[in-house]
Amino acid sequence: MWRDLTDKEIAGVKTKRAGQWFWFILVNGVVLNIISGFLGVGIEFEMGLVPGGAFWYWWGGWVVGDGLAMVIITPVLVKGLTSLVERQGLINHGWVT
């Protein structure tokens, strides 16, 4: 993934694609965080761990916490693991590889 998000050249092909940033932020930063917030807080609410009036506050905190973790941890993992994945030949060249 790092090869798609940064200016780099692999085998003479420029790899940075602007669309990759859009999809990366939309899917990882918005959609998955919203879904995980509903699942996590929903389960806690059903178990009685979240007071009835605090559902949306807890959900907002969950989404913000997920977002912070994504902003801090994801770039480190993506940059660190991309070279390993490329060396192992585990590269996805498109939707159908």
C-alpha atoms as a PDB file:
ATOM      1  CA  MET A   1       0.000   0.000   0.000  1.00  0.00           C
ATOM      2  CA  TRP A   2       2.877   2.365   0.719  1.00  0.00           C
ATOM      3  CA  ARG A   3       3.852   2.164  -2.937  1.00  0.00           C
ATOM      4  CA  ASP A   4       0.419   3.473  -3.912  1.00  0.00           C
ATOM      5  CA  LEU A   5       0.428   6.358  -1.423  1.00  0.00           C
ATOM      6  CA  THR A   6       3.908   7.797  -1.949  1.00  0.00           C
ATOM      7  CA  ASP A   7       5.970   9.114  -4.810  1.00  0.00           C
ATOM      8  CA  LYS A   8       8.085   6.115  -5.699  1.00  0.00           C
ATOM      9  CA  GLU A   9       9.179   4.362  -8.824  1.00  0.00           C
ATOM     10  CA  ILE A  10       9.045   0.583  -9.099  1.00  0.00           C
ATOM     11  CA  ALA A  11      10.368  -1.002 -12.292  1.00  0.00           C
ATOM     12  CA  GLY A  12      10.103   2.353 -14.066  1.00  0.00           C
ATOM     13  CA  VAL A  13       6.458   2.903 -13.099  1.00  0.00           C
ATOM     14  CA  LYS A  14       5.442   5.890 -10.993  1.00  0.00           C
ATOM     15  CA  THR A  15       3.334   4.563  -8.136  1.00  0.00           C
ATOM     16  CA  LYS A  16       1.644   7.475  -6.362  1.00  0.00           C
ATOM     17  CA  ARG A  17      -2.025   7.634  -7.250  1.00  0.00           C
ATOM     18  CA  ALA A  18      -4.175  10.457  -5.892  1.00  0.00           C
ATOM     19  CA  GLY A  19      -7.241   8.214  -5.824  1.00  0.00           C
ATOM     20  CA  GLN A  20      -5.526   5.877  -3.382  1.00  0.00           C
ATOM     21  CA  TRP A  21      -5.408   8.604  -0.711  1.00  0.00           C
ATOM     22  CA  PHE A  22      -9.136   9.279  -1.152  1.00  0.00           C
ATOM     23  CA  TRP A  23     -10.105   5.607  -0.799  1.00  0.00           C
ATOM     24  CA  PHE A  24      -7.641   5.031   2.043  1.00  0.00           C
ATOM     25  CA  ILE A  25      -9.115   7.879   4.106  1.00  0.00           C
ATOM     26  CA  LEU A  26     -12.734   7.128   3.173  1.00  0.00           C
ATOM     27  CA  VAL A  27     -12.665   3.406   3.916  1.00  0.00           C
ATOM     28  CA  ASN A  28     -10.226   3.278   6.833  1.00  0.00           C
ATOM     29  CA  GLY A  29     -10.839   6.660   8.373  1.00  0.00           C
ATOM     30  CA  VAL A  30     -14.563   7.090   7.996  1.00  0.00           C
ATOM     31  CA  VAL A  31     -16.571   3.995   7.098  1.00  0.00           C
ATOM     32  CA  LEU A  32     -14.791   1.401   9.232  1.00  0.00           C
ATOM     33  CA  ASN A  33     -14.524   3.715  12.245  1.00  0.00           C
ATOM     34  CA  ILE A  34     -18.253   4.486  12.127  1.00  0.00           C
ATOM     35  CA  ILE A  35     -19.145   0.793  11.838  1.00  0.00           C
ATOM     36  CA  SER A  36     -16.782  -0.243  14.625  1.00  0.00           C
ATOM     37  CA  GLY A  37     -18.186   2.520  16.845  1.00  0.00           C
ATOM     38  CA  PHE A  38     -21.732   1.255  16.365  1.00  0.00           C
ATOM     39  CA  LEU A  39     -20.719  -2.354  16.959  1.00  0.00           C
ATOM     40  CA  GLY A  40     -18.532  -1.683  19.975  1.00  0.00           C
ATOM     41  CA  VAL A  41     -20.765   0.785  21.770  1.00  0.00           C
ATOM     42  CA  GLY A  42     -23.871  -1.151  20.748  1.00  0.00           C
ATOM     43  CA  ILE A  43     -22.551  -4.296  22.394  1.00  0.00           C
ATOM     44  CA  GLU A  44     -21.536  -2.362  25.514  1.00  0.00           C
ATOM     45  CA  PHE A  45     -24.978  -0.717  25.585  1.00  0.00           C
ATOM     46  CA  GLU A  46     -26.750  -4.086  25.362  1.00  0.00           C
ATOM     47  CA  MET A  47     -24.585  -5.417  28.193  1.00  0.00           C
ATOM     48  CA  GLY A  48     -25.565  -2.442  30.348  1.00  0.00           C
ATOM     49  CA  LEU A  49     -22.108  -0.886  30.428  1.00  0.00           C
ATOM     50  CA  VAL A  50     -23.212   2.342  28.706  1.00  0.00           C
ATOM     51  CA  PRO A  51     -25.965   4.482  30.247  1.00  0.00           C
ATOM     52  CA  GLY A  52     -28.915   5.074  27.916  1.00  0.00           C
ATOM     53  CA  GLY A  53     -28.361   8.822  27.497  1.00  0.00           C
ATOM     54  CA  ALA A  54     -24.631   8.475  26.878  1.00  0.00           C
ATOM     55  CA  PHE A  55     -24.740   6.249  23.775  1.00  0.00           C
ATOM     56  CA  TRP A  56     -23.827   9.001  21.307  1.00  0.00           C
ATOM     57  CA  TYR A  57     -21.102  10.438  23.548  1.00  0.00           C
ATOM     58  CA  TRP A  58     -19.503   7.011  23.848  1.00  0.00           C
ATOM     59  CA  TRP A  59     -19.920   6.434  20.132  1.00  0.00           C
ATOM     60  CA  GLY A  60     -18.211   9.772  19.351  1.00  0.00           C
ATOM     61  CA  GLY A  61     -15.369   8.909  21.698  1.00  0.00           C
ATOM     62  CA  TRP A  62     -14.989   5.510  20.081  1.00  0.00           C
ATOM     63  CA  VAL A  63     -14.840   6.989  16.564  1.00  0.00           C
ATOM     64  CA  VAL A  64     -12.352   9.686  17.606  1.00  0.00           C
ATOM     65  CA  GLY A  65     -10.197   7.067  19.365  1.00  0.00           C
ATOM     66  CA  ASP A  66     -10.225   4.854  16.282  1.00  0.00           C
ATOM     67  CA  GLY A  67      -9.325   7.845  14.136  1.00  0.00           C
ATOM     68  CA  LEU A  68      -6.373   8.765  16.326  1.00  0.00           C
ATOM     69  CA  ALA A  69      -5.106   5.196  16.305  1.00  0.00           C
ATOM     70  CA  MET A  70      -5.437   5.103  12.523  1.00  0.00           C
ATOM     71  CA  VAL A  71      -3.533   8.375  12.089  1.00  0.00           C
ATOM     72  CA  ILE A  72      -0.705   7.309  14.417  1.00  0.00           C
ATOM     73  CA  ILE A  73      -0.317   3.554  13.909  1.00  0.00           C
ATOM     74  CA  THR A  74      -1.361   2.898  10.300  1.00  0.00           C
ATOM     75  CA  PRO A  75       1.379   4.912   8.539  1.00  0.00           C
ATOM     76  CA  VAL A  76       4.058   3.223  10.625  1.00  0.00           C
ATOM     77  CA  LEU A  77       2.715  -0.263   9.877  1.00  0.00           C
ATOM     78  CA  VAL A  78       2.121   0.448   6.191  1.00  0.00           C
ATOM     79  CA  LYS A  79       5.602   1.878   5.659  1.00  0.00           C
ATOM     80  CA  GLY A  80       7.311  -0.807   7.718  1.00  0.00           C
ATOM     81  CA  LEU A  81       5.505  -3.801   6.227  1.00  0.00           C
ATOM     82  CA  THR A  82       5.362  -2.771   2.560  1.00  0.00           C
ATOM     83  CA  SER A  83       8.954  -3.712   1.773  1.00  0.00           C
ATOM     84  CA  LEU A  84       8.500  -7.070   3.512  1.00  0.00           C
ATOM     85  CA  VAL A  85       5.318  -7.773   1.560  1.00  0.00           C
ATOM     86  CA  GLU A  86       6.985  -6.765  -1.733  1.00  0.00           C
ATOM     87  CA  ARG A  87       9.980  -9.038  -1.021  1.00  0.00           C
ATOM     88  CA  GLN A  88       7.657 -11.963  -0.329  1.00  0.00           C
ATOM     89  CA  GLY A  89       5.769 -11.370  -3.587  1.00  0.00           C
ATOM     90  CA  LEU A  90       2.442 -10.798  -1.836  1.00  0.00           C
ATOM     91  CA  ILE A  91       1.512  -7.734  -3.906  1.00  0.00           C
ATOM     92  CA  ASN A  92      -2.025  -7.045  -5.054  1.00  0.00           C
ATOM     93  CA  HIS A  93      -1.899  -5.680  -8.601  1.00  0.00           C
ATOM     94  CA  GLY A  94      -5.600  -4.825  -8.769  1.00  0.00           C
ATOM     95  CA  TRP A  95      -9.055  -5.952  -7.722  1.00  0.00           C
ATOM     96  CA  VAL A  96      -8.452  -9.371  -9.269  1.00  0.00           C
ATOM     97  CA  THR A  97      -4.865 -10.512  -9.001  1.00  0.00           C
END
